[in-house]
Amino acid sequence: MDLDAMLFLVRYHARSNEQILETSAKLTDEELRRPGPLDHGSAFETLLHLHLTDWSWRDFCVTEDEEDDSYPDGWPPGDLASLHEFGSQEDSRLIDYVESLGGSGLDQPLTWTIDGRRVSFARWAVLMHIVNHGTQHRSELARYLTECGRSPGDLDLL
């Protein structure tokens, strides 16, 4: 995979995350935390899941330690402002990490165990998984935000 293409995708991911977080700040606390039609219960829990998953996959890409079950310092944030700060920092860390790889770093394999079997994927595929996972949850959140009368607007790639 081309480094410029991967950077384009992770920058899109960061920009879209920011758009969802900014729009989520317009929700009342009750709207943010009430159970809704989201995979992780509430908008807040879905945002937590999205950003923790970003952190954990990026951390795995850096450390290649599949046994690491730690959490980021201060996890979980208790309010949207703290989560927004964490999410923005994590998006910057992801972009910086991808920039540091160079072209050949994207093709290096990462190996871990799933259901008792060893699997390997190129680092670029894991990074694509981060972006795709974010798209899934941002689309859920966009639907919920729109139902609350606060559409995040266009989240398209282009």
Foldseek 3Di string as FASTA:
>chain_A
DALVVLLLLLVLLLVLLLLLLVLLVPDDPCQQQQADPAPQGGVVRLLQVLLFVLVVLVVCLVPLDPPDPDGPPPPPDDDSVVSSVSSNVSSVVVSVVSVVQPDVQQQDWRWDDDPRDIDIDGNVVSSVVSSVVSVVSSVVSQVSSVVVVRHSPDSDSD
